[in-house]
Protein backbone atom coordinates (compact mmCIF):
# COMPACT_ATOMS: atom_id res chain seq x y z
CA UNK A 1 -34.28 9.81 -21.17
CA UNK A 2 -35.55 13.24 -20.29
CA UNK A 3 -34.77 15.54 -23.18
CA UNK A 4 -32.04 13.33 -24.55
CA UNK A 5 -33.41 13.33 -28.10
CA UNK A 6 -33.64 17.12 -28.40
CA UNK A 7 -30.83 18.96 -30.18
CA UNK A 8 -28.37 21.09 -28.25
CA UNK A 9 -27.80 24.67 -29.37
CA UNK A 10 -26.18 24.30 -32.76
CA UNK A 11 -23.42 26.80 -31.99
CA UNK A 12 -21.25 24.43 -29.98
CA UNK A 13 -21.95 21.51 -32.31
CA UNK A 14 -21.15 23.50 -35.44
CA UNK A 15 -17.93 24.81 -33.97
CA UNK A 16 -16.81 21.31 -33.05
CA UNK A 17 -17.82 19.59 -36.30
CA UNK A 18 -17.11 22.25 -38.92
CA UNK A 19 -14.51 24.61 -37.49
CA UNK A 20 -12.37 23.16 -34.70
CA UNK A 21 -12.10 19.58 -35.96
CA UNK A 22 -10.84 20.80 -39.32
CA UNK A 23 -7.72 22.26 -37.66
CA UNK A 24 -7.32 19.22 -35.40
CA UNK A 25 -7.20 21.48 -32.33
CA UNK A 26 -9.91 21.82 -29.66
CA UNK A 27 -9.31 25.06 -27.71
CA UNK A 28 -13.04 25.61 -27.07
CA UNK A 29 -14.34 22.05 -26.76
CA UNK A 30 -11.98 21.09 -23.94
CA UNK A 31 -12.85 24.11 -21.70
CA UNK A 32 -16.57 23.59 -22.41
CA UNK A 33 -16.36 19.93 -21.36
CA UNK A 34 -14.46 21.01 -18.26
CA UNK A 35 -17.22 23.52 -17.45
CA UNK A 36 -19.94 20.87 -17.76
CA UNK A 37 -18.00 18.43 -15.55
CA UNK A 38 -17.35 21.15 -12.95
CA UNK A 39 -21.05 21.99 -12.74
CA UNK A 40 -21.83 18.48 -11.51
CA UNK A 41 -21.09 18.47 -7.77
CA UNK A 42 -20.55 15.21 -5.90
CA UNK A 43 -20.53 14.51 -2.13
CA UNK A 44 -16.93 13.27 -2.15
CA UNK A 45 -15.67 16.55 -3.61
CA UNK A 46 -17.23 18.60 -0.80
CA UNK A 47 -14.88 19.00 2.20
CA UNK A 48 -15.87 16.80 5.15
CA UNK A 49 -16.11 19.79 7.53
CA UNK A 50 -18.65 21.49 5.25
CA UNK A 51 -20.69 18.30 4.87
CA UNK A 52 -20.95 17.92 8.65
CA UNK A 53 -21.56 21.54 9.65
CA UNK A 54 -23.75 22.77 6.80
CA UNK A 55 -24.59 20.03 4.29
CA UNK A 56 -24.82 21.73 0.88
CA UNK A 57 -27.03 20.44 -1.90
CA UNK A 58 -25.18 18.48 -4.56
CA UNK A 59 -27.94 19.29 -7.04
CA UNK A 60 -26.45 22.23 -8.95
CA UNK A 61 -28.74 21.82 -11.96
CA UNK A 62 -31.80 24.14 -12.02
CA UNK A 63 -34.94 21.99 -11.97
CA UNK A 64 -36.61 24.06 -14.69
CA UNK A 65 -33.59 24.32 -17.02
CA UNK A 66 -34.89 24.57 -20.60
CA UNK A 67 -38.58 24.89 -19.66
CA UNK A 68 -41.01 25.72 -21.21
CA UNK A 69 -39.30 25.26 -24.60
CA UNK A 70 -38.40 21.60 -24.02
CA UNK A 71 -38.41 18.86 -21.37
CA UNK A 72 -36.59 20.28 -18.31
CA UNK A 73 -33.08 19.14 -17.46
CA UNK A 74 -29.68 18.97 -19.12
CA UNK A 75 -30.55 16.09 -21.44
CA UNK A 76 -29.30 17.96 -24.53
CA UNK A 77 -25.91 18.53 -22.90
CA UNK A 78 -25.73 14.85 -21.96
CA UNK A 79 -26.37 13.98 -25.61
CA UNK A 80 -23.71 16.47 -26.70
CA UNK A 81 -21.05 15.03 -24.39
CA UNK A 82 -21.86 11.36 -24.99
CA UNK A 83 -22.94 11.34 -28.65
CA UNK A 84 -21.20 14.28 -30.28
CA UNK A 85 -17.90 14.25 -28.42
CA UNK A 86 -17.18 10.96 -26.61
CA UNK A 87 -18.57 8.59 -29.24
CA UNK A 88 -16.63 10.34 -32.02
CA UNK A 89 -13.29 10.74 -30.26
CA UNK A 90 -11.69 7.71 -32.01
CA UNK A 91 -12.71 9.02 -35.47
CA UNK A 92 -11.35 12.55 -35.06
CA UNK A 93 -7.80 13.68 -35.83
CA UNK A 94 -5.56 15.42 -33.30
CA UNK A 95 -2.60 17.69 -33.84
CA UNK A 96 -1.69 17.11 -30.20
CA UNK A 97 -2.24 13.44 -29.21
CA UNK A 98 -2.75 14.48 -25.59
CA UNK A 99 -5.93 16.33 -26.64
CA UNK A 100 -7.59 13.01 -27.42
CA UNK A 101 -6.99 11.65 -23.93
CA UNK A 102 -7.85 14.99 -22.33
CA UNK A 103 -11.23 14.98 -24.10
CA UNK A 104 -11.71 11.31 -23.19
CA UNK A 105 -10.99 12.09 -19.56
CA UNK A 106 -13.35 15.07 -19.43
CA UNK A 107 -16.23 13.20 -21.08
CA UNK A 108 -15.81 10.30 -18.68
CA UNK A 109 -15.47 12.76 -15.79
CA UNK A 110 -18.86 14.22 -16.71
CA UNK A 111 -20.40 10.73 -16.94
CA UNK A 112 -18.80 9.62 -13.67
CA UNK A 113 -19.93 12.69 -11.72
CA UNK A 114 -23.43 12.43 -13.16
CA UNK A 115 -23.66 8.89 -11.80
CA UNK A 116 -22.03 9.80 -8.47
CA UNK A 117 -24.47 12.65 -7.80
CA UNK A 118 -27.50 10.57 -8.86
CA UNK A 119 -28.63 9.88 -5.31
CA UNK A 120 -30.63 6.69 -5.77
CA UNK A 121 -29.58 5.47 -2.32
CA UNK A 122 -31.86 8.08 -0.74
CA UNK A 123 -34.84 6.06 -2.03
CA UNK A 124 -33.96 3.11 0.23
CA UNK A 125 -32.16 4.69 3.20
CA UNK A 126 -34.98 6.89 4.44
CA UNK A 127 -37.83 6.06 6.82
CA UNK A 128 -39.82 3.17 5.33
CA UNK A 129 -43.21 4.79 5.94
CA UNK A 130 -42.25 7.93 4.01
CA UNK A 131 -42.69 7.62 0.26
CA UNK A 132 -40.53 9.99 -1.84
CA UNK A 133 -42.44 13.04 -3.00
CA UNK A 134 -43.49 13.58 -6.59
CA UNK A 135 -41.13 16.55 -6.81
CA UNK A 136 -38.18 14.47 -5.62
CA UNK A 137 -38.86 11.68 -8.12
CA UNK A 138 -39.09 14.25 -10.94
CA UNK A 139 -35.82 15.79 -9.77
CA UNK A 140 -34.14 12.38 -10.09
CA UNK A 141 -35.77 11.82 -13.49
CA UNK A 142 -34.30 14.99 -15.00
CA UNK A 143 -30.91 14.39 -13.38
CA UNK A 144 -28.20 13.47 -15.94
CA UNK A 145 -27.51 10.31 -13.95
CA UNK A 146 -30.84 8.89 -15.13
CA UNK A 147 -29.80 9.14 -18.76
CA UNK A 148 -26.37 7.66 -17.97
CA UNK A 149 -27.95 4.67 -16.21
CA UNK A 150 -30.37 4.22 -19.10
CA UNK A 151 -27.48 4.05 -21.55
CA UNK A 152 -25.25 1.86 -19.37
CA UNK A 153 -28.01 -0.72 -18.84
CA UNK A 154 -28.86 -1.10 -22.52
CA UNK A 155 -26.86 -2.12 -25.59
CA UNK A 156 -25.89 1.47 -26.31
CA UNK A 157 -22.75 2.93 -27.92
CA UNK A 158 -21.78 4.27 -24.46
CA UNK A 159 -21.92 0.80 -22.91
CA UNK A 160 -19.91 -0.62 -25.84
CA UNK A 161 -17.26 2.11 -25.47
CA UNK A 162 -16.89 1.54 -21.73
CA UNK A 163 -16.45 -2.21 -22.26
CA UNK A 164 -13.93 -1.62 -25.05
CA UNK A 165 -11.84 0.69 -22.86
CA UNK A 166 -12.06 -1.91 -20.09
CA UNK A 167 -10.41 -4.62 -22.20
CA UNK A 168 -8.02 -2.49 -24.24
CA UNK A 169 -6.91 -0.51 -21.19
CA UNK A 170 -4.74 -3.42 -20.03
CA UNK A 171 -2.68 -3.26 -23.19
CA UNK A 172 -2.02 0.44 -22.71
CA UNK A 173 -0.80 -0.08 -19.14
CA UNK A 174 1.39 -3.00 -20.21
CA UNK A 175 2.98 -0.84 -22.92
CA UNK A 176 3.64 2.06 -20.52
CA UNK A 177 1.14 4.44 -22.10
CA UNK A 178 -0.15 5.43 -18.66
CA UNK A 179 3.30 6.77 -17.73
CA UNK A 180 3.65 8.73 -20.97
CA UNK A 181 0.12 10.12 -20.98
CA UNK A 182 -1.41 11.02 -17.56
CA UNK A 183 -4.90 11.39 -19.05
CA UNK A 184 -4.78 7.79 -20.27
CA UNK A 185 -4.38 6.69 -16.66
CA UNK A 186 -7.32 8.79 -15.45
CA UNK A 187 -9.42 7.65 -18.42
CA UNK A 188 -9.16 3.99 -17.40
CA UNK A 189 -9.62 4.77 -13.69
CA UNK A 190 -12.83 6.62 -14.56
CA UNK A 191 -14.00 3.62 -16.61
CA UNK A 192 -13.70 1.41 -13.52
CA UNK A 193 -15.30 4.09 -11.34
CA UNK A 194 -18.28 4.16 -13.71
CA UNK A 195 -18.60 0.36 -13.80
CA UNK A 196 -18.46 0.11 -10.00
CA UNK A 197 -21.05 2.86 -9.55
CA UNK A 198 -23.45 1.28 -12.06
CA UNK A 199 -23.14 -2.11 -10.33
CA UNK A 200 -23.67 -0.43 -6.95
CA UNK A 201 -26.98 1.25 -7.80
CA UNK A 202 -28.47 -0.79 -10.66
CA UNK A 203 -30.79 -2.79 -8.36
CA UNK A 204 -32.23 0.39 -6.83
CA UNK A 205 -32.58 1.92 -10.29
CA UNK A 206 -34.44 -1.08 -11.74
CA UNK A 207 -36.40 -2.35 -8.74
CA UNK A 208 -37.28 0.88 -6.93
CA UNK A 209 -36.81 3.99 -9.07
CA UNK A 210 -38.35 2.82 -12.36
CA UNK A 211 -41.57 1.56 -10.69
CA UNK A 212 -41.87 4.91 -8.88
CA UNK A 213 -41.41 6.71 -12.18
CA UNK A 214 -44.04 4.56 -13.89
CA UNK A 215 -46.52 5.22 -11.09
CA UNK A 216 -45.93 8.94 -11.50
CA UNK A 217 -47.14 8.79 -15.12
CA UNK A 218 -45.97 12.30 -16.02
CA UNK A 219 -44.34 12.01 -19.48
CA UNK A 220 -44.38 15.79 -19.89
CA UNK A 221 -42.01 16.05 -16.91
CA UNK A 222 -40.02 12.84 -17.14
CA UNK A 223 -40.20 11.79 -20.77
CA UNK A 224 -41.19 8.26 -21.75
CA UNK A 225 -40.25 5.69 -19.11
CA UNK A 226 -39.17 2.33 -20.57
CA UNK A 227 -40.33 -0.85 -18.79
CA UNK A 228 -37.85 -2.75 -16.60
CA UNK A 229 -37.66 -5.51 -19.22
CA UNK A 230 -36.06 -2.98 -21.59
CA UNK A 231 -32.88 -2.97 -19.48
CA UNK A 232 -30.09 -5.51 -18.95
CA UNK A 233 -28.19 -5.57 -15.65
CA UNK A 234 -24.57 -4.64 -16.13
CA UNK A 235 -23.22 -7.83 -14.56
CA UNK A 236 -25.22 -9.72 -17.18
CA UNK A 237 -23.70 -7.56 -19.93
CA UNK A 238 -20.25 -8.45 -18.56
CA UNK A 239 -21.09 -12.14 -18.96
CA UNK A 240 -21.78 -11.87 -22.69
CA UNK A 241 -18.10 -11.98 -23.68
CA UNK A 242 -15.40 -14.03 -21.87
CA UNK A 243 -12.84 -11.19 -22.04
CA UNK A 244 -14.62 -8.67 -19.82
CA UNK A 245 -14.41 -10.24 -16.36
CA UNK A 246 -10.76 -11.44 -16.59
CA UNK A 247 -9.82 -7.94 -17.79
CA UNK A 248 -11.55 -6.42 -14.76
CA UNK A 249 -9.74 -8.80 -12.42
CA UNK A 250 -6.36 -8.18 -14.09
CA UNK A 251 -6.26 -4.52 -12.97
CA UNK A 252 -5.02 -5.87 -9.62
CA UNK A 253 -1.61 -6.17 -11.29
CA UNK A 254 -0.67 -2.46 -11.32
CA UNK A 255 0.65 -1.42 -7.89
CA UNK A 256 1.57 2.03 -9.18
CA UNK A 257 -2.15 2.74 -9.60
CA UNK A 258 -3.78 1.70 -6.31
CA UNK A 259 -7.27 2.97 -7.13
CA UNK A 260 -7.39 0.69 -10.16
CA UNK A 261 -6.49 -2.24 -7.90
CA UNK A 262 -9.05 -1.32 -5.25
CA UNK A 263 -11.89 -0.85 -7.75
CA UNK A 264 -10.98 -4.12 -9.45
CA UNK A 265 -11.30 -6.02 -6.15
CA UNK A 266 -14.57 -4.29 -5.20
CA UNK A 267 -16.12 -4.97 -8.62
CA UNK A 268 -15.08 -8.61 -8.41
CA UNK A 269 -16.76 -8.82 -4.98
CA UNK A 270 -20.05 -7.70 -6.52
CA UNK A 271 -19.70 -10.06 -9.51
CA UNK A 272 -18.98 -12.98 -7.15
CA UNK A 273 -22.63 -12.94 -6.00
CA UNK A 274 -24.14 -12.32 -9.45
CA UNK A 275 -26.54 -15.01 -10.73
CA UNK A 276 -25.36 -14.09 -14.24
CA UNK A 277 -21.83 -15.35 -13.46
CA UNK A 278 -22.24 -18.71 -11.68
CA UNK A 279 -18.90 -19.93 -13.12
CA UNK A 280 -16.92 -16.78 -12.34
CA UNK A 281 -13.90 -18.64 -10.95
CA UNK A 282 -13.69 -21.00 -13.94
CA UNK A 283 -14.04 -18.06 -16.34
CA UNK A 284 -11.00 -16.40 -14.77
CA UNK A 285 -9.06 -19.63 -14.24
CA UNK A 286 -9.34 -20.55 -17.92
CA UNK A 287 -8.39 -17.09 -19.19
CA UNK A 288 -4.94 -16.03 -20.34
CA UNK A 289 -4.83 -13.58 -17.40
CA UNK A 290 -5.27 -16.20 -14.64
CA UNK A 291 -1.63 -16.55 -13.55
CA UNK A 292 -0.95 -12.85 -13.29
CA UNK A 293 -4.26 -12.29 -11.48
CA UNK A 294 -3.16 -14.82 -8.85
CA UNK A 295 0.25 -13.15 -8.62
CA UNK A 296 -1.35 -9.71 -8.37
CA UNK A 297 -3.53 -10.72 -5.43
CA UNK A 298 -0.62 -12.45 -3.73
CA UNK A 299 1.63 -9.42 -4.16
CA UNK A 300 -1.11 -7.12 -2.82
CA UNK A 301 -1.58 -9.23 0.33
CA UNK A 302 2.18 -9.47 0.84
CA UNK A 303 2.54 -5.68 0.89
CA UNK A 304 4.08 -4.62 4.19
CA UNK A 305 2.04 -1.70 5.54
CA UNK A 306 1.01 -0.95 9.11
CA UNK A 307 -1.63 1.68 8.41
CA UNK A 308 -4.57 1.66 10.83
CA UNK A 309 -7.51 -0.26 9.40
CA UNK A 310 -10.18 2.31 10.22
CA UNK A 311 -8.05 5.14 8.79
CA UNK A 312 -7.36 3.19 5.59
CA UNK A 313 -11.05 2.46 5.00
CA UNK A 314 -12.02 6.08 5.64
CA UNK A 315 -9.39 7.39 3.21
CA UNK A 316 -10.40 4.87 0.55
CA UNK A 317 -14.08 5.75 0.88
CA UNK A 318 -13.39 9.48 0.53
CA UNK A 319 -10.63 9.44 -2.10
CA UNK A 320 -11.67 6.67 -4.50
CA UNK A 321 -14.73 5.74 -6.53
CA UNK A 322 -17.19 7.77 -8.58
CA UNK A 323 -17.25 11.45 -7.69
CA UNK A 324 -13.95 11.46 -5.80
CA UNK A 325 -11.17 13.93 -6.55
CA UNK A 326 -8.86 13.17 -9.44
CA UNK A 327 -6.78 10.04 -8.78
CA UNK A 328 -3.57 10.44 -6.79
CA UNK A 329 -0.49 8.23 -6.47
CA UNK A 330 0.16 5.28 -4.15
CA UNK A 331 -0.22 5.68 -0.38
CA UNK A 332 -0.05 3.35 2.61
CA UNK A 333 -3.73 3.98 3.29
CA UNK A 334 -4.81 2.82 -0.17
CA UNK A 335 -2.42 -0.14 -0.07
CA UNK A 336 -3.98 -1.20 3.22
CA UNK A 337 -7.49 -0.61 1.84
CA UNK A 338 -6.71 -2.97 -1.07
CA UNK A 339 -5.62 -5.71 1.36
CA UNK A 340 -8.78 -5.20 3.41
CA UNK A 341 -10.96 -5.36 0.29
CA UNK A 342 -9.28 -8.65 -0.68
CA UNK A 343 -9.95 -10.10 2.78
CA UNK A 344 -13.58 -8.95 2.55
CA UNK A 345 -13.86 -10.73 -0.82
CA UNK A 346 -12.39 -13.89 0.69
CA UNK A 347 -14.60 -13.75 3.80
CA UNK A 348 -17.72 -13.22 1.70
CA UNK A 349 -17.03 -16.26 -0.47
CA UNK A 350 -15.58 -18.80 1.98
CA UNK A 351 -18.68 -18.94 4.17
CA UNK A 352 -20.32 -22.38 4.46
CA UNK A 353 -23.34 -21.18 2.46
CA UNK A 354 -21.25 -20.39 -0.63
CA UNK A 355 -20.66 -22.99 -3.37
CA UNK A 356 -17.29 -24.64 -3.97
CA UNK A 357 -15.16 -23.82 -5.84
CA UNK A 358 -15.71 -20.09 -6.24
CA UNK A 359 -13.53 -17.02 -6.77
CA UNK A 360 -12.24 -17.08 -3.17
CA UNK A 361 -10.99 -20.68 -3.51
CA UNK A 362 -9.38 -19.80 -6.84
CA UNK A 363 -7.44 -16.96 -5.19
CA UNK A 364 -6.67 -18.82 -1.96
CA UNK A 365 -5.55 -22.14 -3.48
CA UNK A 366 -4.45 -21.08 -6.98
CA UNK A 367 -7.03 -23.05 -8.95
CA UNK A 368 -10.75 -23.48 -9.59
CA UNK A 369 -11.11 -27.23 -10.15
CA UNK A 370 -13.33 -29.36 -7.94
CA UNK A 371 -10.32 -31.04 -6.29
CA UNK A 372 -8.52 -27.77 -5.50
CA UNK A 373 -7.09 -27.66 -1.99
CA UNK A 374 -4.30 -26.03 0.00
CA UNK A 375 -0.84 -27.11 -1.16
CA UNK A 376 2.58 -27.20 0.44
CA UNK A 377 4.22 -24.23 -1.32
CA UNK A 378 7.58 -26.04 -1.25
CA UNK A 379 6.26 -29.18 -2.95
CA UNK A 380 7.24 -29.95 -6.54
CA UNK A 381 4.95 -28.16 -8.98
CA UNK A 382 3.20 -26.14 -6.26
CA UNK A 383 3.21 -22.38 -5.96
CA UNK A 384 2.56 -19.95 -3.17
CA UNK A 385 -0.95 -18.46 -3.15
CA UNK A 386 -3.12 -16.14 -1.05
CA UNK A 387 -3.76 -18.67 1.72
CA UNK A 388 0.00 -18.95 2.31
CA UNK A 389 0.28 -15.16 2.47
CA UNK A 390 -2.49 -15.01 5.11
CA UNK A 391 -0.82 -17.77 7.16
CA UNK A 392 2.57 -16.04 6.92
CA UNK A 393 0.97 -12.81 8.17
CA UNK A 394 -0.67 -14.59 11.09
CA UNK A 395 2.39 -16.69 11.96
CA UNK A 396 4.79 -13.75 11.96
CA UNK A 397 6.07 -13.24 15.50
CA UNK A 398 4.28 -16.31 16.85
CA UNK A 399 6.82 -18.65 18.48
CA UNK A 400 7.05 -22.27 17.41
CA UNK A 401 5.85 -25.28 19.34
CA UNK A 402 8.18 -26.83 21.89
CA UNK A 403 10.71 -29.13 20.30
CA UNK A 404 9.75 -28.10 16.75
CA UNK A 405 11.03 -24.60 16.14
CA UNK A 406 13.51 -22.27 17.83
CA UNK A 407 12.19 -18.80 18.41
CA UNK A 408 14.21 -16.00 16.88
CA UNK A 409 15.17 -13.56 19.67
CA UNK A 410 14.63 -10.69 17.24
CA UNK A 411 11.15 -11.91 16.29
CA UNK A 412 8.75 -9.00 15.84
CA UNK A 413 5.34 -8.65 17.43
CA UNK A 414 2.51 -10.77 16.00
CA UNK A 415 -0.18 -9.30 13.79
CA UNK A 416 -2.83 -9.79 16.50
CA UNK A 417 -0.96 -7.19 18.59
CA UNK A 418 0.12 -4.71 15.92
CA UNK A 419 -3.03 -4.73 13.73
CA UNK A 420 -5.79 -6.64 15.52
CA UNK A 421 -8.53 -5.43 13.14
CA UNK A 422 -6.57 -6.77 10.16
CA UNK A 423 -5.65 -10.00 11.98
CA UNK A 424 -9.30 -10.60 12.90
CA UNK A 425 -10.28 -10.76 9.21
CA UNK A 426 -7.40 -13.13 8.48
CA UNK A 427 -8.45 -15.50 11.28
CA UNK A 428 -12.04 -15.26 10.04
CA UNK A 429 -11.01 -16.49 6.56
CA UNK A 430 -9.01 -19.39 8.04
CA UNK A 431 -11.91 -20.38 10.32
CA UNK A 432 -14.36 -20.46 7.41
CA UNK A 433 -11.99 -22.63 5.36
CA UNK A 434 -11.87 -25.03 8.32
CA UNK A 435 -15.66 -24.93 8.64
CA UNK A 436 -16.69 -25.36 4.98
CA UNK A 437 -17.51 -29.00 4.18
CA UNK A 438 -15.44 -28.96 0.98
CA UNK A 439 -12.31 -27.32 2.39
CA UNK A 440 -12.34 -28.35 6.05
CA UNK A 441 -10.45 -31.65 5.97
CA UNK A 442 -7.52 -30.61 3.76
CA UNK A 443 -7.12 -27.20 5.40
CA UNK A 444 -7.17 -28.50 8.97
CA UNK A 445 -4.76 -31.30 8.09
CA UNK A 446 -2.33 -28.77 6.56
CA UNK A 447 -2.63 -26.39 9.52
CA UNK A 448 -2.15 -29.17 12.05
CA UNK A 449 0.70 -31.10 10.44
CA UNK A 450 2.71 -28.42 8.67
CA UNK A 451 2.01 -25.25 10.62
CA UNK A 452 1.06 -26.61 14.08
CA UNK A 453 -1.28 -23.66 13.74
CA UNK A 454 -3.90 -24.42 16.40
CA UNK A 455 -1.50 -25.09 19.25
CA UNK A 456 0.89 -22.26 18.40
CA UNK A 457 -1.78 -19.59 18.23
CA UNK A 458 -3.66 -20.84 21.27
CA UNK A 459 -0.41 -20.68 23.27
CA UNK A 460 0.60 -17.29 21.92
CA UNK A 461 -2.61 -15.28 22.23
CA UNK A 462 -2.45 -13.20 25.44
CA UNK A 463 -5.33 -12.58 27.79
CA UNK A 464 -4.90 -8.82 27.88
CA UNK A 465 -5.91 -6.52 25.04
CA UNK A 466 -3.08 -4.73 23.12
CA UNK A 467 -2.40 -1.21 24.36
CA UNK A 468 -2.42 1.73 21.98
CA UNK A 469 -1.98 5.49 22.22
CA UNK A 470 -4.64 6.25 19.60
CA UNK A 471 -7.45 8.67 20.34
CA UNK A 472 -10.14 8.49 21.60
CA UNK A 473 -8.96 5.90 24.10
CA UNK A 474 -10.55 3.76 26.79
CA UNK A 475 -8.86 2.30 29.86
CA UNK A 476 -9.19 -1.39 30.69
CA UNK A 477 -8.65 -2.50 34.30
CA UNK A 478 -7.80 -6.16 34.88
CA UNK A 479 -8.28 -8.16 38.08
CA UNK A 480 -4.51 -8.19 38.73
CA UNK A 481 -4.51 -4.39 38.88
CA UNK A 482 -3.03 -3.84 35.39
CA UNK A 483 -4.46 -0.83 33.52
CA UNK A 484 -4.18 -0.65 29.73
CA UNK A 485 -5.11 2.20 27.38
CA UNK A 486 -6.68 1.03 24.13
CA UNK A 487 -9.55 1.91 21.78
CA UNK A 488 -13.01 0.45 21.36
CA UNK A 489 -12.15 -0.75 17.83
CA UNK A 490 -8.90 -2.41 18.99
CA UNK A 491 -10.59 -4.15 21.90
CA UNK A 492 -13.52 -5.36 19.78
CA UNK A 493 -11.20 -6.71 17.09
CA UNK A 494 -8.95 -8.42 19.63
CA UNK A 495 -11.89 -10.13 21.34
CA UNK A 496 -13.23 -11.27 17.97
CA UNK A 497 -9.91 -12.70 16.77
CA UNK A 498 -9.43 -14.48 20.08
CA UNK A 499 -12.85 -16.04 19.63
CA UNK A 500 -11.86 -17.23 16.13
CA UNK A 501 -8.76 -18.89 17.61
CA UNK A 502 -10.86 -20.65 20.25
CA UNK A 503 -13.37 -21.70 17.59
CA UNK A 504 -10.53 -23.12 15.50
CA UNK A 505 -9.18 -25.04 18.47
CA UNK A 506 -12.69 -26.36 19.20
CA UNK A 507 -12.96 -27.62 15.61
CA UNK A 508 -9.56 -29.28 15.88
CA UNK A 509 -10.44 -30.92 19.20
CA UNK A 510 -13.62 -32.31 17.64
CA UNK A 511 -11.69 -33.81 14.70
CA UNK A 512 -8.91 -35.21 16.92
CA UNK A 513 -11.37 -36.72 19.37
CA UNK A 514 -13.38 -38.34 16.59
CA UNK A 515 -10.21 -39.91 15.24
CA UNK A 516 -8.96 -40.95 18.69
CA UNK A 517 -5.75 -38.86 18.50
CA UNK A 518 -5.55 -38.70 22.28
CA UNK A 519 -2.01 -37.34 22.54
CA UNK A 520 -2.80 -34.30 20.41
CA UNK A 521 -6.03 -33.76 22.33
CA UNK A 522 -4.08 -33.82 25.61
CA UNK A 523 -1.60 -31.23 24.30
CA UNK A 524 -4.38 -28.82 23.35
CA UNK A 525 -6.20 -29.35 26.64
CA UNK A 526 -2.96 -28.74 28.53
CA UNK A 527 -2.60 -25.46 26.67
CA UNK A 528 -6.15 -24.42 27.48
CA UNK A 529 -6.14 -25.38 31.15
CA UNK A 530 -2.45 -25.79 32.02
CA UNK A 531 0.56 -23.47 31.96
CA UNK A 532 1.13 -22.00 28.48
CA UNK A 533 4.79 -21.25 29.26
CA UNK A 534 5.60 -24.98 29.31
CA UNK A 535 4.59 -25.20 25.66
CA UNK A 536 6.45 -22.26 24.21
CA UNK A 537 10.18 -22.22 23.62
CA UNK A 538 12.02 -20.49 26.46
CA UNK A 539 13.02 -17.03 25.25
CA UNK A 540 14.35 -15.69 28.56
CA UNK A 541 10.97 -14.52 29.82
CA UNK A 542 7.33 -15.50 29.47
CA UNK A 543 5.44 -14.44 26.34
CA UNK A 544 2.99 -12.21 28.18
CA UNK A 545 5.74 -10.49 30.19
CA UNK A 546 7.59 -9.79 26.93
CA UNK A 547 4.49 -8.15 25.47
CA UNK A 548 3.29 -6.21 28.49
């Protein structure tokens, strides 16, 4: 990388190696690391109001730093942090054990912020006709993020350290070290932030930025540029040892540390589409972590939070990931964001184009074998899994079919009224399970015979959109004169989820007609074109009157 092989001013190095380390105290090293980390600005650490009104530059490194005496940039400081401090942390002695984790945290903070402020996305989000200028490419080349990506995508000591922390971090959380030592917690969170950021931008780095740098052919400004074949994608590096991916997935098991859980799910979503991990679900299923991973996902989906979906996603985007402020404790917004990320993972991998079984089927059904299908959770030897959690969420507040289930007078409102944006994703997952050739038959049979799902939800879904007092609002006027205040997001989600219900009913009608189940077909048709109140249990007033 640019300037990475040149020595830093020997003063700091000498003090660390020959003076401070001897006394096992680091009163100068820690503040110096903090200074370096603070100098790297990231978009997420700039207040939203400032970003909107007067977008400041996140590039706080002078372009000509070190010139003309060496290659411009802060390469020597990168080498100091990564090679002289971070790589040697395990071999040094500490009078105060917390100093080790404080130094770990600050080194990783510097690495994380370097990657977060390395704006590779700008190379692919601009106008297609406009090629980046030579000056801009050089600016990216001397950015510390370039050197971090170079090290993370090769078999470097930095990559090895990150992967070691990834696996060994689980043991520390299980033993309670994160509660005793706050910097241990932030160390491991930063490890996952770094991994997620590298996976996010590695394709742009390898397929767009490196060719631009090669075309530039300015070694005096950028240093030697290795060919693309010199690098290994990080998802491929994760496939080299069977411990890495299960360890990543197992961070879903720590509800006290929601950012760990969220990053774990997001990383798994990226790995699910990686050609380097075609057997991802089997790799996790056969690991010693498989049971607790399943339980972690189930517990996360079962979390009872009513936070608005749009708010939760905004908070998660701003407060988590590389370059965000230091990790905070649990919140309803992050808990909701975790559930949404899980549903996104399931939606992405249950589509008809995806192979079976994959990671979504492992999480939904509790196994990754070719004959895996939805089970009755009350059957002998069966256990509750994510698909049961989704069905419980959707069935909550939905009255039973006539003659089959008495409606509880105190039944709460269904999810499609309280959180339509969340419910829409749940229905989407169920629809795709019913549509996929390998999961359709068993899923539809379970929904029809055990849940009476299609008829219940068709009968329960109202015509009118849920009302809300959120801002900014819109007013919907119906033909019967009813006016309802709602939001664009609520209305869009409600219309989508209602379409999923109708699509599900259409699928069921097709199956029933093919099999000549005329009675069941008549019941569904009566619901669609008859009086829905005849089908629902009498609860003193009609369902729609009770809602509106």
